[in-house]
């Protein structure tokens, strides 16, 4: 389900009436091809984002991740005993750089497929870090 409202992140979705039929068909089609051909070298999985209103002819874009999908906000609140706690909130980002998943889904209305790697290592010159140690 495409998040188009802040509440979509946290609400109980069991009562919503969303039609996932087309999304399921698209994901199954991609999964069958990956199962028979394998993932490309360097990719461990695909992140597939499907807009809320989609059909079998919706364009599919191969994308990279946008830096984030929400503007990060932190709000200090207090429980009934007066102890502070912090609520993470933030507005949905509705546009991003060309070639990103956010741009494809939110602005273009396309399906995005982003190849992901489980290696989260920053591929930088380690000598720069050694200078900091």
Protein backbone atom coordinates (compact mmCIF):
# COMPACT_ATOMS: atom_id res chain seq x y z
CA UNK A 1 0.00 0.00 0.00
CA UNK A 2 1.33 3.40 -0.92
CA UNK A 3 1.68 5.73 2.05
CA UNK A 4 -0.08 8.95 1.09
CA UNK A 5 -0.94 10.15 4.57
CA UNK A 6 1.05 10.31 7.82
CA UNK A 7 -1.54 8.06 9.49
CA UNK A 8 -0.91 5.28 6.95
CA UNK A 9 2.35 4.47 8.76
CA UNK A 10 0.71 3.56 12.06
CA UNK A 11 -3.02 2.92 11.64
CA UNK A 12 -4.54 -0.54 11.93
CA UNK A 13 -5.16 -1.43 8.27
CA UNK A 14 -7.32 -4.51 8.81
CA UNK A 15 -10.53 -2.50 8.35
CA UNK A 16 -9.39 -0.74 5.16
CA UNK A 17 -10.71 -1.90 1.84
CA UNK A 18 -7.69 -1.91 -0.46
CA UNK A 19 -7.50 -3.94 -3.64
CA UNK A 20 -4.11 -5.64 -3.86
CA UNK A 21 -5.01 -7.86 -6.83
CA UNK A 22 -2.95 -6.00 -9.44
CA UNK A 23 -0.02 -5.52 -7.05
CA UNK A 24 0.02 -9.23 -6.27
CA UNK A 25 0.05 -10.09 -9.98
CA UNK A 26 2.93 -7.69 -10.67
CA UNK A 27 5.03 -8.96 -7.74
CA UNK A 28 4.33 -12.58 -8.73
CA UNK A 29 5.39 -11.86 -12.33
CA UNK A 30 8.67 -10.32 -11.13
CA UNK A 31 9.26 -13.09 -8.57
CA UNK A 32 8.79 -15.84 -11.18
CA UNK A 33 11.37 -14.21 -13.45
CA UNK A 34 13.82 -13.76 -10.58
CA UNK A 35 13.29 -17.37 -9.55
CA UNK A 36 14.10 -18.64 -13.04
CA UNK A 37 16.93 -16.23 -13.90
CA UNK A 38 18.29 -15.22 -10.48
CA UNK A 39 19.10 -11.77 -9.21
CA UNK A 40 21.68 -9.61 -10.97
CA UNK A 41 25.23 -9.74 -9.62
CA UNK A 42 25.53 -7.54 -6.53
CA UNK A 43 21.79 -7.46 -5.76
CA UNK A 44 20.47 -9.46 -2.81
CA UNK A 45 16.81 -8.45 -3.13
CA UNK A 46 14.42 -6.07 -4.84
CA UNK A 47 12.41 -3.40 -3.08
CA UNK A 48 9.18 -3.02 -5.04
CA UNK A 49 6.99 0.05 -4.45
CA UNK A 50 3.56 0.06 -6.01
CA UNK A 51 1.35 3.17 -6.15
CA UNK A 52 -2.12 3.01 -4.69
CA UNK A 53 -3.83 3.34 -8.09
CA UNK A 54 -2.12 0.90 -10.43
CA UNK A 55 -3.01 -1.36 -13.35
CA UNK A 56 -1.15 -4.02 -15.29
CA UNK A 57 0.04 -1.38 -17.79
CA UNK A 58 1.57 0.93 -15.16
CA UNK A 59 5.15 1.76 -16.10
CA UNK A 60 7.91 0.12 -14.06
CA UNK A 61 11.04 2.16 -13.29
CA UNK A 62 14.32 0.73 -12.04
CA UNK A 63 15.32 3.17 -9.32
CA UNK A 64 17.72 3.93 -6.52
CA UNK A 65 16.64 4.74 -2.99
CA UNK A 66 15.76 8.32 -2.16
CA UNK A 67 17.57 9.49 0.98
CA UNK A 68 14.28 9.23 2.91
CA UNK A 69 10.52 9.32 2.49
CA UNK A 70 9.61 11.40 5.54
CA UNK A 71 10.90 14.69 6.91
CA UNK A 72 12.21 13.58 10.29
CA UNK A 73 10.66 15.31 13.25
CA UNK A 74 10.92 14.55 16.95
CA UNK A 75 8.38 15.84 19.41
CA UNK A 76 8.88 15.76 23.17
CA UNK A 77 5.75 14.60 24.99
CA UNK A 78 4.96 13.67 28.57
CA UNK A 79 3.27 10.57 29.91
CA UNK A 80 0.56 10.78 32.63
CA UNK A 81 3.26 10.71 35.32
CA UNK A 82 5.09 13.67 33.80
CA UNK A 83 7.99 11.63 32.38
CA UNK A 84 9.18 12.72 28.95
CA UNK A 85 9.09 10.51 25.90
CA UNK A 86 9.81 11.33 22.28
CA UNK A 87 7.40 10.87 19.41
CA UNK A 88 8.96 10.53 15.97
CA UNK A 89 6.84 12.23 13.34
CA UNK A 90 7.29 14.02 10.07
CA UNK A 91 5.60 14.95 6.85
CA UNK A 92 5.67 12.68 3.83
CA UNK A 93 8.14 13.71 1.13
CA UNK A 94 6.19 13.85 -2.12
CA UNK A 95 8.99 14.66 -4.54
CA UNK A 96 12.63 13.70 -4.84
CA UNK A 97 15.50 13.57 -7.30
CA UNK A 98 14.92 11.97 -10.70
CA UNK A 99 15.72 8.24 -10.72
CA UNK A 100 14.67 7.63 -7.12
CA UNK A 101 11.89 5.41 -5.80
CA UNK A 102 10.07 8.39 -4.26
CA UNK A 103 10.04 10.30 -7.57
CA UNK A 104 8.85 7.24 -9.50
CA UNK A 105 5.96 6.42 -7.17
CA UNK A 106 4.90 9.74 -5.66
CA UNK A 107 5.40 12.09 -8.62
CA UNK A 108 5.25 9.84 -11.69
CA UNK A 109 2.71 7.26 -10.46
CA UNK A 110 5.02 4.45 -11.62
CA UNK A 111 6.03 1.20 -9.96
CA UNK A 112 9.60 1.31 -8.70
CA UNK A 113 11.97 -1.63 -8.48
CA UNK A 114 15.12 -0.89 -6.51
CA UNK A 115 17.89 -3.50 -6.37
CA UNK A 116 19.29 -3.67 -2.84
CA UNK A 117 22.44 -5.11 -1.36
CA UNK A 118 22.77 -6.29 2.21
CA UNK A 119 26.29 -4.84 2.35
CA UNK A 120 25.74 -1.50 4.10
CA UNK A 121 29.47 -0.70 4.15
CA UNK A 122 30.32 2.82 3.01
CA UNK A 123 32.72 2.25 0.14
CA UNK A 124 35.11 5.09 0.91
CA UNK A 125 38.85 5.42 1.37
CA UNK A 126 39.49 3.85 4.80
CA UNK A 127 42.56 6.07 5.18
CA UNK A 128 40.21 9.00 5.79
CA UNK A 129 38.82 7.14 8.81
CA UNK A 130 42.26 6.14 10.05
CA UNK A 131 43.13 9.84 10.28
CA UNK A 132 40.18 10.28 12.66
CA UNK A 133 41.31 7.48 14.96
